[in-house]
Amino acid sequence: MSDVSVLPGSLAVRNLFEDLLGREVVVSPGDPLSADEVKTATVAIFTDPGQKIYAVMGMQLSLAANAGAALGLLPAGAAEDSIDEKQLFPNLAENVFELCNVFTSLLNREGQPHLKLYQVIYPGMELPGDARAILLALGRRLDLMCEVSRYGKGKLSLSLAP
């Protein structure tokens, strides 16, 4: 069986963010999330129909807060407060969950097993070791800096499981 895993392109990520948030989003190559940043990141785990991890996406707290506020049409101050307190407030977390769920569309391919969002881990929650290892692994990954117009920016890292 050939490997049909394909990372989404940065343009596809930008288009998804812009369509969902209803505002300009600038996406550029970025650095991977560091181990320290993962502790405060929002992490989405995507699985195949057998619940095997297919991909792990991490969003730096600043990106999660800014995207969550933009999606909820909240003022930028809501994101800034969340970042200052180093936690993702529940109203922002709910919006980020929806963003992660929609992000699944970038991973699914026609004729391939249907992937789904399995779990979202928020700052302060325990990240399973296997998901952490995949998120920090070298190899098949996409690392971006995403800037949400009038809100702010942050890192996004997506890594496919081996």
C-alpha atoms as a PDB file:
ATOM      1  CA  MET A   1       0.000   0.000   0.000  1.00  0.00           C
ATOM      2  CA  SER A   2       1.455   3.325  -1.001  1.00  0.00           C
ATOM      3  CA  ASP A   3       1.622   6.256   1.341  1.00  0.00           C
ATOM      4  CA  VAL A   4      -0.939   8.825   0.263  1.00  0.00           C
ATOM      5  CA  SER A   5      -0.333  11.232   3.130  1.00  0.00           C
ATOM      6  CA  VAL A   6      -0.115  14.761   1.881  1.00  0.00           C
ATOM      7  CA  LEU A   7       0.458  17.899   3.859  1.00  0.00           C
ATOM      8  CA  PRO A   8      -1.830  20.797   2.986  1.00  0.00           C
ATOM      9  CA  GLY A   9      -0.116  23.760   1.377  1.00  0.00           C
ATOM     10  CA  SER A  10       0.250  27.105   3.102  1.00  0.00           C
ATOM     11  CA  LEU A  11      -2.197  28.634   0.592  1.00  0.00           C
ATOM     12  CA  ALA A  12      -4.864  26.104   1.585  1.00  0.00           C
ATOM     13  CA  VAL A  13      -4.276  26.914   5.268  1.00  0.00           C
ATOM     14  CA  ARG A  14      -4.516  30.646   4.573  1.00  0.00           C
ATOM     15  CA  ASN A  15      -7.709  30.219   2.553  1.00  0.00           C
ATOM     16  CA  LEU A  16      -9.303  28.119   5.290  1.00  0.00           C
ATOM     17  CA  PHE A  17      -8.452  30.691   7.968  1.00  0.00           C
ATOM     18  CA  GLU A  18      -9.658  33.596   5.823  1.00  0.00           C
ATOM     19  CA  ASP A  19     -12.906  31.869   4.888  1.00  0.00           C
ATOM     20  CA  LEU A  20     -13.604  30.883   8.458  1.00  0.00           C
ATOM     21  CA  LEU A  21     -12.556  34.117  10.149  1.00  0.00           C
ATOM     22  CA  GLY A  22     -13.898  36.440   7.461  1.00  0.00           C
ATOM     23  CA  ARG A  23     -10.779  38.581   7.417  1.00  0.00           C
ATOM     24  CA  GLU A  24      -7.322  38.717   5.895  1.00  0.00           C
ATOM     25  CA  VAL A  25      -4.815  36.224   7.237  1.00  0.00           C
ATOM     26  CA  VAL A  26      -1.151  36.371   6.262  1.00  0.00           C
ATOM     27  CA  VAL A  27       0.601  33.009   6.286  1.00  0.00           C
ATOM     28  CA  SER A  28       4.361  32.629   5.934  1.00  0.00           C
ATOM     29  CA  PRO A  29       6.942  29.940   6.650  1.00  0.00           C
ATOM     30  CA  GLY A  30       7.628  29.706  10.361  1.00  0.00           C
ATOM     31  CA  ASP A  31       9.607  27.884  12.984  1.00  0.00           C
ATOM     32  CA  PRO A  32       8.244  24.714  14.564  1.00  0.00           C
ATOM     33  CA  LEU A  33       6.659  24.921  17.989  1.00  0.00           C
ATOM     34  CA  SER A  34       9.307  24.328  20.633  1.00  0.00           C
ATOM     35  CA  ALA A  35       8.852  21.847  23.463  1.00  0.00           C
ATOM     36  CA  ASP A  36       8.265  24.769  25.848  1.00  0.00           C
ATOM     37  CA  GLU A  37       5.646  26.299  23.544  1.00  0.00           C
ATOM     38  CA  VAL A  38       3.776  22.986  23.314  1.00  0.00           C
ATOM     39  CA  LYS A  39       2.991  23.259  27.046  1.00  0.00           C
ATOM     40  CA  THR A  40       0.794  26.298  26.397  1.00  0.00           C
ATOM     41  CA  ALA A  41      -0.347  25.385  22.885  1.00  0.00           C
ATOM     42  CA  THR A  42      -3.712  24.188  21.706  1.00  0.00           C
ATOM     43  CA  VAL A  43      -3.181  20.804  20.087  1.00  0.00           C
ATOM     44  CA  ALA A  44      -5.573  18.992  17.764  1.00  0.00           C
ATOM     45  CA  ILE A  45      -5.254  15.250  17.207  1.00  0.00           C
ATOM     46  CA  PHE A  46      -6.625  13.834  13.952  1.00  0.00           C
ATOM     47  CA  THR A  47      -7.243  10.100  13.551  1.00  0.00           C
ATOM     48  CA  ASP A  48      -8.140   7.589  10.872  1.00  0.00           C
ATOM     49  CA  PRO A  49     -11.258   5.374  11.118  1.00  0.00           C
ATOM     50  CA  GLY A  50      -9.290   2.904  13.300  1.00  0.00           C
ATOM     51  CA  GLN A  51      -8.479   5.782  15.717  1.00  0.00           C
ATOM     52  CA  LYS A  52      -4.800   5.627  14.822  1.00  0.00           C
ATOM     53  CA  ILE A  53      -3.221   9.087  14.996  1.00  0.00           C
ATOM     54  CA  TYR A  54      -2.844  10.454  11.484  1.00  0.00           C
ATOM     55  CA  ALA A  55      -1.707  14.017  12.243  1.00  0.00           C
ATOM     56  CA  VAL A  56      -1.195  16.430  15.115  1.00  0.00           C
ATOM     57  CA  MET A  57      -1.592  20.192  14.810  1.00  0.00           C
ATOM     58  CA  GLY A  58      -0.361  22.659  17.411  1.00  0.00           C
ATOM     59  CA  MET A  59      -1.255  26.320  17.617  1.00  0.00           C
ATOM     60  CA  GLN A  60       0.740  28.687  19.759  1.00  0.00           C
ATOM     61  CA  LEU A  61      -1.430  30.242  22.472  1.00  0.00           C
ATOM     62  CA  SER A  62      -1.323  33.613  20.721  1.00  0.00           C
ATOM     63  CA  LEU A  63      -2.652  32.166  17.449  1.00  0.00           C
ATOM     64  CA  ALA A  64      -5.356  30.142  19.185  1.00  0.00           C
ATOM     65  CA  ALA A  65      -6.500  33.173  21.188  1.00  0.00           C
ATOM     66  CA  ASN A  66      -6.440  35.522  18.193  1.00  0.00           C
ATOM     67  CA  ALA A  67      -8.205  33.093  15.869  1.00  0.00           C
ATOM     68  CA  GLY A  68     -10.759  32.201  18.551  1.00  0.00           C
ATOM     69  CA  ALA A  69     -11.532  35.855  19.187  1.00  0.00           C
ATOM     70  CA  ALA A  70     -11.757  36.645  15.471  1.00  0.00           C
ATOM     71  CA  LEU A  71     -14.060  33.693  14.842  1.00  0.00           C
ATOM     72  CA  GLY A  72     -16.344  34.806  17.664  1.00  0.00           C
ATOM     73  CA  LEU A  73     -16.264  38.444  16.502  1.00  0.00           C
ATOM     74  CA  LEU A  74     -14.839  39.384  19.896  1.00  0.00           C
ATOM     75  CA  PRO A  75     -12.592  42.406  20.370  1.00  0.00           C
ATOM     76  CA  ALA A  76      -8.844  41.866  20.103  1.00  0.00           C
ATOM     77  CA  GLY A  77      -8.643  42.646  23.819  1.00  0.00           C
ATOM     78  CA  ALA A  78     -10.296  39.302  24.578  1.00  0.00           C
ATOM     79  CA  ALA A  79      -7.380  37.539  22.900  1.00  0.00           C
ATOM     80  CA  GLU A  80      -4.839  39.782  24.632  1.00  0.00           C
ATOM     81  CA  ASP A  81      -6.333  39.013  28.049  1.00  0.00           C
ATOM     82  CA  SER A  82      -6.210  35.303  27.315  1.00  0.00           C
ATOM     83  CA  ILE A  83      -2.569  35.512  26.227  1.00  0.00           C
ATOM     84  CA  ASP A  84      -1.643  37.592  29.296  1.00  0.00           C
ATOM     85  CA  GLU A  85      -3.187  34.973  31.586  1.00  0.00           C
ATOM     86  CA  LYS A  86      -1.516  32.137  29.658  1.00  0.00           C
ATOM     87  CA  GLN A  87      -4.761  30.257  29.188  1.00  0.00           C
ATOM     88  CA  LEU A  88      -7.346  29.908  26.485  1.00  0.00           C
ATOM     89  CA  PHE A  89     -10.631  31.225  27.860  1.00  0.00           C
ATOM     90  CA  PRO A  90     -13.614  28.859  27.389  1.00  0.00           C
ATOM     91  CA  ASN A  91     -15.374  31.037  24.816  1.00  0.00           C
ATOM     92  CA  LEU A  92     -12.202  31.203  22.730  1.00  0.00           C
ATOM     93  CA  ALA A  93     -11.559  27.464  23.194  1.00  0.00           C
ATOM     94  CA  GLU A  94     -14.996  26.652  21.832  1.00  0.00           C
ATOM     95  CA  ASN A  95     -14.260  28.660  18.697  1.00  0.00           C
ATOM     96  CA  VAL A  96     -10.824  27.086  18.294  1.00  0.00           C
ATOM     97  CA  PHE A  97     -12.387  23.631  18.563  1.00  0.00           C
ATOM     98  CA  GLU A  98     -14.585  24.526  15.597  1.00  0.00           C
ATOM     99  CA  LEU A  99     -11.579  25.811  13.662  1.00  0.00           C
ATOM    100  CA  CYS A 100      -9.752  22.529  14.319  1.00  0.00           C
ATOM    101  CA  ASN A 101     -12.793  20.557  13.236  1.00  0.00           C
ATOM    102  CA  VAL A 102     -12.994  22.472   9.949  1.00  0.00           C
ATOM    103  CA  PHE A 103      -9.211  22.045   9.510  1.00  0.00           C
ATOM    104  CA  THR A 104      -9.881  18.324   9.073  1.00  0.00           C
ATOM    105  CA  SER A 105     -11.122  19.146   5.567  1.00  0.00           C
ATOM    106  CA  LEU A 106      -7.521  19.942   4.569  1.00  0.00           C
ATOM    107  CA  LEU A 107      -6.400  16.440   5.556  1.00  0.00           C
ATOM    108  CA  ASN A 108      -9.114  14.379   3.884  1.00  0.00           C
ATOM    109  CA  ARG A 109      -8.573  13.166   0.332  1.00  0.00           C
ATOM    110  CA  GLU A 110     -11.116  11.763  -2.073  1.00  0.00           C
ATOM    111  CA  GLY A 111     -11.049   7.976  -2.133  1.00  0.00           C
ATOM    112  CA  GLN A 112      -9.041   7.736   1.094  1.00  0.00           C
ATOM    113  CA  PRO A 113     -10.230   6.740   4.571  1.00  0.00           C
ATOM    114  CA  HIS A 114     -12.134   9.554   6.275  1.00  0.00           C
ATOM    115  CA  LEU A 115     -10.056  11.334   8.893  1.00  0.00           C
ATOM    116  CA  LYS A 116     -11.651  13.121  11.813  1.00  0.00           C
ATOM    117  CA  LEU A 117     -10.828  15.378  14.701  1.00  0.00           C
ATOM    118  CA  TYR A 118     -10.333  13.059  17.665  1.00  0.00           C
ATOM    119  CA  GLN A 119      -9.458  15.471  20.450  1.00  0.00           C
ATOM    120  CA  VAL A 120      -8.370  19.024  21.176  1.00  0.00           C
ATOM    121  CA  ILE A 121      -5.952  19.565  24.046  1.00  0.00           C
ATOM    122  CA  TYR A 122      -5.979  23.048  25.572  1.00  0.00           C
ATOM    123  CA  PRO A 123      -3.255  24.801  27.571  1.00  0.00           C
ATOM    124  CA  GLY A 124      -2.952  23.248  31.007  1.00  0.00           C
ATOM    125  CA  MET A 125      -4.293  19.854  29.907  1.00  0.00           C
ATOM    126  CA  GLU A 126      -2.100  16.763  29.658  1.00  0.00           C
ATOM    127  CA  LEU A 127      -0.969  16.069  26.088  1.00  0.00           C
ATOM    128  CA  PRO A 128      -0.656  12.321  25.377  1.00  0.00           C
ATOM    129  CA  GLY A 129       2.967  11.283  24.873  1.00  0.00           C
ATOM    130  CA  ASP A 130       2.428   9.802  21.417  1.00  0.00           C
ATOM    131  CA  ALA A 131       0.754  12.981  20.159  1.00  0.00           C
ATOM    132  CA  ARG A 132       3.522  15.114  21.653  1.00  0.00           C
ATOM    133  CA  ALA A 133       6.184  12.980  19.966  1.00  0.00           C
ATOM    134  CA  ILE A 134       4.479  13.324  16.577  1.00  0.00           C
ATOM    135  CA  LEU A 135       4.029  17.078  16.964  1.00  0.00           C
ATOM    136  CA  LEU A 136       7.717  17.596  17.766  1.00  0.00           C
ATOM    137  CA  ALA A 137       9.077  15.062  15.250  1.00  0.00           C
ATOM    138  CA  LEU A 138      11.115  16.032  12.240  1.00  0.00           C
ATOM    139  CA  GLY A 139       9.935  14.937   8.825  1.00  0.00           C
ATOM    140  CA  ARG A 140       6.533  15.330   7.245  1.00  0.00           C
ATOM    141  CA  ARG A 141       5.479  18.636   8.755  1.00  0.00           C
ATOM    142  CA  LEU A 142       4.294  22.143   7.970  1.00  0.00           C
ATOM    143  CA  ASP A 143       5.371  25.070  10.131  1.00  0.00           C
ATOM    144  CA  LEU A 144       3.749  28.436   9.559  1.00  0.00           C
ATOM    145  CA  MET A 145       3.442  31.879  11.078  1.00  0.00           C
ATOM    146  CA  CYS A 146      -0.171  33.029  10.766  1.00  0.00           C
ATOM    147  CA  GLU A 147      -1.208  36.635  11.308  1.00  0.00           C
ATOM    148  CA  VAL A 148      -4.896  37.393  11.711  1.00  0.00           C
ATOM    149  CA  SER A 149      -5.630  40.935  10.564  1.00  0.00           C
ATOM    150  CA  ARG A 150      -6.381  43.338  13.445  1.00  0.00           C
ATOM    151  CA  TYR A 151      -5.773  40.606  16.031  1.00  0.00           C
ATOM    152  CA  GLY A 152      -2.275  39.167  16.015  1.00  0.00           C
ATOM    153  CA  LYS A 153      -0.108  36.268  15.025  1.00  0.00           C
ATOM    154  CA  GLY A 154       1.267  32.980  16.193  1.00  0.00           C
ATOM    155  CA  LYS A 155       2.797  29.726  15.091  1.00  0.00           C
ATOM    156  CA  LEU A 156       0.975  26.772  13.595  1.00  0.00           C
ATOM    157  CA  SER A 157       2.704  23.403  13.296  1.00  0.00           C
ATOM    158  CA  LEU A 158       1.199  20.360  11.614  1.00  0.00           C
ATOM    159  CA  SER A 159       2.985  17.032  11.670  1.00  0.00           C
ATOM    160  CA  LEU A 160       1.880  13.792  10.028  1.00  0.00           C
ATOM    161  CA  ALA A 161       2.373  10.564  11.936  1.00  0.00           C
ATOM    162  CA  PRO A 162       5.065   8.237  10.573  1.00  0.00           C
END
